[in-house]
């Protein structure tokens, strides 16, 4: 019977930040974990970091748009009057 490395990787990475997951992967490499387990853990890390980047981009774009709008004197006037 073959061990299920995918489920084991999910259990090891559950409820961890990216930094904690990277530390777990490094520890697994040092301790001689099977390459399949390390591969699954790296895939989970890659997938989790992609979602975070999407949210960061959205926040950056919204912040830039707000800053751009604030350069307009009309927008600042409406903001001061409480209409924006």
N, C-alpha and C. Protein backbone atom coordinates (compact mmCIF):
# COMPACT_ATOMS: atom_id res chain seq x y z
N UNK A 1 0.84 -1.18 0.00
CA UNK A 1 0.00 0.00 0.00
C UNK A 1 0.89 1.25 0.00
N UNK A 2 0.60 2.19 -0.90
CA UNK A 2 1.38 3.42 -1.02
C UNK A 2 0.87 4.47 -0.05
N UNK A 3 1.77 5.20 0.58
CA UNK A 3 1.33 6.28 1.46
C UNK A 3 0.71 7.42 0.66
N UNK A 4 -0.28 8.08 1.26
CA UNK A 4 -0.96 9.19 0.60
C UNK A 4 -0.30 10.50 1.03
N UNK A 5 0.66 10.95 0.23
CA UNK A 5 1.43 12.14 0.57
C UNK A 5 0.60 13.41 0.42
N UNK A 6 -0.40 13.38 -0.47
CA UNK A 6 -1.21 14.57 -0.67
C UNK A 6 -1.99 14.92 0.60
N UNK A 7 -2.63 13.94 1.20
CA UNK A 7 -3.38 14.18 2.43
C UNK A 7 -2.46 14.59 3.58
N UNK A 8 -1.29 13.98 3.63
CA UNK A 8 -0.32 14.32 4.67
C UNK A 8 0.15 15.77 4.49
N UNK A 9 0.38 16.17 3.25
CA UNK A 9 0.81 17.55 2.97
C UNK A 9 -0.27 18.54 3.36
N UNK A 10 -1.52 18.20 3.09
CA UNK A 10 -2.64 19.07 3.46
C UNK A 10 -2.70 19.23 4.97
N UNK A 11 -2.53 18.13 5.69
CA UNK A 11 -2.55 18.20 7.16
C UNK A 11 -1.39 19.04 7.70
N UNK A 12 -0.23 18.92 7.09
CA UNK A 12 0.94 19.68 7.56
C UNK A 12 0.82 21.17 7.27
N UNK A 13 0.09 21.54 6.22
CA UNK A 13 0.00 22.95 5.81
C UNK A 13 -1.29 23.64 6.26
N UNK A 14 -2.16 22.89 6.89
CA UNK A 14 -3.46 23.43 7.28
C UNK A 14 -3.30 24.55 8.32
N UNK A 15 -4.02 25.66 8.10
CA UNK A 15 -4.06 26.81 9.02
C UNK A 15 -2.68 27.41 9.28
N UNK A 16 -1.83 27.44 8.28
CA UNK A 16 -0.51 28.04 8.42
C UNK A 16 -0.35 29.18 7.44
N UNK A 17 0.44 30.16 7.83
CA UNK A 17 0.77 31.26 6.93
C UNK A 17 1.81 30.77 5.92
N UNK A 18 2.07 31.58 4.89
CA UNK A 18 3.06 31.18 3.89
C UNK A 18 4.44 31.00 4.51
N UNK A 19 4.79 31.89 5.44
CA UNK A 19 6.11 31.79 6.09
C UNK A 19 6.22 30.49 6.89
N UNK A 20 5.16 30.14 7.60
CA UNK A 20 5.17 28.90 8.37
C UNK A 20 5.24 27.68 7.45
N UNK A 21 4.54 27.75 6.31
CA UNK A 21 4.58 26.64 5.37
C UNK A 21 5.98 26.49 4.77
N UNK A 22 6.63 27.61 4.46
CA UNK A 22 7.99 27.54 3.93
C UNK A 22 8.94 26.94 4.95
N UNK A 23 8.77 27.31 6.21
CA UNK A 23 9.61 26.74 7.26
C UNK A 23 9.38 25.24 7.39
N UNK A 24 8.13 24.82 7.27
CA UNK A 24 7.81 23.39 7.34
C UNK A 24 8.44 22.63 6.18
N UNK A 25 8.41 23.22 4.99
CA UNK A 25 9.02 22.59 3.81
C UNK A 25 10.53 22.47 4.00
N UNK A 26 11.16 23.53 4.49
CA UNK A 26 12.62 23.47 4.73
C UNK A 26 12.96 22.41 5.77
N UNK A 27 12.16 22.34 6.82
CA UNK A 27 12.39 21.33 7.86
C UNK A 27 12.23 19.92 7.30
N UNK A 28 11.22 19.75 6.42
CA UNK A 28 11.00 18.43 5.82
C UNK A 28 12.18 18.04 4.93
N UNK A 29 12.73 19.01 4.19
CA UNK A 29 13.89 18.72 3.35
C UNK A 29 15.10 18.33 4.19
N UNK A 30 15.31 19.04 5.28
CA UNK A 30 16.45 18.75 6.16
C UNK A 30 16.33 17.37 6.78
N UNK A 31 15.10 17.00 7.16
CA UNK A 31 14.88 15.72 7.84
C UNK A 31 14.73 14.55 6.87
N UNK A 32 14.89 14.81 5.56
CA UNK A 32 14.85 13.72 4.59
C UNK A 32 13.47 13.19 4.27
N UNK A 33 12.50 14.06 4.21
CA UNK A 33 11.13 13.65 3.86
C UNK A 33 11.10 13.20 2.39
N UNK A 34 10.15 12.36 2.03
CA UNK A 34 10.04 11.89 0.65
C UNK A 34 9.82 13.06 -0.31
N UNK A 35 10.43 13.02 -1.48
CA UNK A 35 10.28 14.11 -2.46
C UNK A 35 8.83 14.38 -2.87
N UNK A 36 8.01 13.32 -2.89
CA UNK A 36 6.60 13.49 -3.27
C UNK A 36 5.87 14.36 -2.25
N UNK A 37 6.17 14.15 -0.97
CA UNK A 37 5.54 14.94 0.08
C UNK A 37 5.96 16.41 -0.04
N UNK A 38 7.24 16.64 -0.27
CA UNK A 38 7.75 18.01 -0.41
C UNK A 38 7.12 18.67 -1.63
N UNK A 39 6.97 17.93 -2.71
CA UNK A 39 6.38 18.47 -3.93
C UNK A 39 4.93 18.92 -3.67
N UNK A 40 4.16 18.09 -2.98
CA UNK A 40 2.77 18.44 -2.67
C UNK A 40 2.71 19.68 -1.76
N UNK A 41 3.60 19.76 -0.81
CA UNK A 41 3.63 20.92 0.09
C UNK A 41 3.97 22.19 -0.68
N UNK A 42 4.89 22.11 -1.63
CA UNK A 42 5.25 23.27 -2.44
C UNK A 42 4.10 23.70 -3.34
N UNK A 43 3.35 22.73 -3.85
CA UNK A 43 2.18 23.06 -4.67
C UNK A 43 1.12 23.79 -3.84
N UNK A 44 0.91 23.34 -2.62
CA UNK A 44 -0.05 24.00 -1.73
C UNK A 44 0.41 25.42 -1.44
N UNK A 45 1.70 25.60 -1.19
CA UNK A 45 2.24 26.93 -0.93
C UNK A 45 2.05 27.84 -2.14
N UNK A 46 2.32 27.33 -3.34
CA UNK A 46 2.14 28.12 -4.56
C UNK A 46 0.69 28.54 -4.74
N UNK A 47 -0.24 27.62 -4.51
CA UNK A 47 -1.65 27.94 -4.68
C UNK A 47 -2.13 28.94 -3.64
N UNK A 48 -1.63 28.83 -2.43
CA UNK A 48 -2.08 29.77 -1.39
C UNK A 48 -1.52 31.17 -1.62
N UNK A 49 -0.33 31.27 -2.16
CA UNK A 49 0.25 32.59 -2.38
C UNK A 49 -0.37 33.28 -3.59
N UNK A 50 -0.91 32.54 -4.53
CA UNK A 50 -1.56 33.15 -5.70
C UNK A 50 -2.82 33.89 -5.27
N UNK A 51 -3.60 33.32 -4.38
CA UNK A 51 -4.81 33.97 -3.90
C UNK A 51 -4.51 35.25 -3.16
N UNK A 52 -3.48 35.26 -2.38
CA UNK A 52 -3.10 36.46 -1.65
C UNK A 52 -2.64 37.57 -2.56
N UNK A 53 -1.93 37.23 -3.62
CA UNK A 53 -1.47 38.24 -4.56
C UNK A 53 -2.64 38.91 -5.26
N UNK A 54 -3.67 38.14 -5.57
CA UNK A 54 -4.84 38.71 -6.24
C UNK A 54 -5.49 39.77 -5.37
N UNK A 55 -5.62 39.48 -4.09
CA UNK A 55 -6.21 40.43 -3.15
C UNK A 55 -5.32 41.66 -3.01
N UNK A 56 -4.01 41.47 -2.97
CA UNK A 56 -3.08 42.60 -2.87
C UNK A 56 -3.20 43.50 -4.09
N UNK A 57 -3.32 42.92 -5.27
CA UNK A 57 -3.46 43.71 -6.48
C UNK A 57 -4.73 44.55 -6.45
N UNK A 58 -5.82 43.93 -6.02
CA UNK A 58 -7.09 44.63 -5.96
C UNK A 58 -7.00 45.82 -5.00
N UNK A 59 -6.41 45.60 -3.83
CA UNK A 59 -6.26 46.68 -2.87
C UNK A 59 -5.37 47.79 -3.42
N UNK A 60 -4.31 47.43 -4.12
CA UNK A 60 -3.39 48.41 -4.69
C UNK A 60 -4.10 49.26 -5.74
N UNK A 61 -4.87 48.62 -6.60
CA UNK A 61 -5.58 49.34 -7.65
C UNK A 61 -6.61 50.29 -7.04
N UNK A 62 -7.36 49.82 -6.04
CA UNK A 62 -8.36 50.68 -5.41
C UNK A 62 -7.72 51.86 -4.70
N UNK A 63 -6.60 51.63 -4.05
CA UNK A 63 -5.88 52.70 -3.37
C UNK A 63 -5.37 53.72 -4.38
N UNK A 64 -4.81 53.24 -5.48
CA UNK A 64 -4.30 54.14 -6.51
C UNK A 64 -5.43 54.95 -7.13
N UNK A 65 -6.59 54.33 -7.35
CA UNK A 65 -7.73 55.03 -7.92
C UNK A 65 -8.22 56.12 -6.97
N UNK A 66 -8.29 55.82 -5.69
CA UNK A 66 -8.72 56.81 -4.71
C UNK A 66 -7.74 57.98 -4.68
N UNK A 67 -6.46 57.68 -4.68
CA UNK A 67 -5.45 58.75 -4.69
C UNK A 67 -5.54 59.58 -5.96
N UNK A 68 -5.81 58.94 -7.09
CA UNK A 68 -5.97 59.66 -8.35
C UNK A 68 -7.18 60.58 -8.28
N UNK A 69 -8.28 60.07 -7.76
CA UNK A 69 -9.50 60.87 -7.66
C UNK A 69 -9.28 62.07 -6.73
N UNK A 70 -8.52 61.89 -5.68
CA UNK A 70 -8.30 62.98 -4.73
C UNK A 70 -7.48 64.12 -5.32
N UNK A 71 -6.80 63.88 -6.43
CA UNK A 71 -6.07 64.98 -7.07
C UNK A 71 -7.02 65.92 -7.79
N UNK A 72 -8.23 65.47 -8.05
CA UNK A 72 -9.22 66.31 -8.70
C UNK A 72 -9.84 67.26 -7.67
N UNK A 73 -9.92 68.54 -8.01
CA UNK A 73 -10.46 69.52 -7.06
C UNK A 73 -11.96 69.30 -6.85
N UNK A 74 -12.64 68.78 -7.87
CA UNK A 74 -14.08 68.51 -7.74
C UNK A 74 -14.31 67.37 -6.75
N UNK A 75 -13.51 66.33 -6.87
CA UNK A 75 -13.64 65.19 -5.96
C UNK A 75 -13.37 65.63 -4.52
N UNK A 76 -12.31 66.43 -4.33
CA UNK A 76 -12.00 66.91 -2.98
C UNK A 76 -13.11 67.77 -2.42
N UNK A 77 -13.74 68.58 -3.27
CA UNK A 77 -14.86 69.42 -2.83
C UNK A 77 -16.04 68.55 -2.42
N UNK A 78 -16.36 67.55 -3.24
CA UNK A 78 -17.46 66.64 -2.90
C UNK A 78 -17.16 65.86 -1.63
N UNK A 79 -15.90 65.46 -1.45
CA UNK A 79 -15.50 64.72 -0.25
C UNK A 79 -15.64 65.59 0.99
N UNK A 80 -15.26 66.87 0.88
CA UNK A 80 -15.36 67.79 2.00
C UNK A 80 -16.82 68.05 2.38
N UNK A 81 -17.69 68.08 1.38
CA UNK A 81 -19.11 68.30 1.64
C UNK A 81 -19.82 67.03 2.12
N UNK A 82 -19.10 65.92 2.08
CA UNK A 82 -19.68 64.66 2.56
C UNK A 82 -20.50 63.95 1.51
N UNK A 83 -20.38 64.36 0.28
CA UNK A 83 -21.15 63.72 -0.79
C UNK A 83 -20.38 62.59 -1.47
N UNK A 84 -19.15 62.43 -1.08
CA UNK A 84 -18.33 61.37 -1.67
C UNK A 84 -17.70 60.55 -0.59
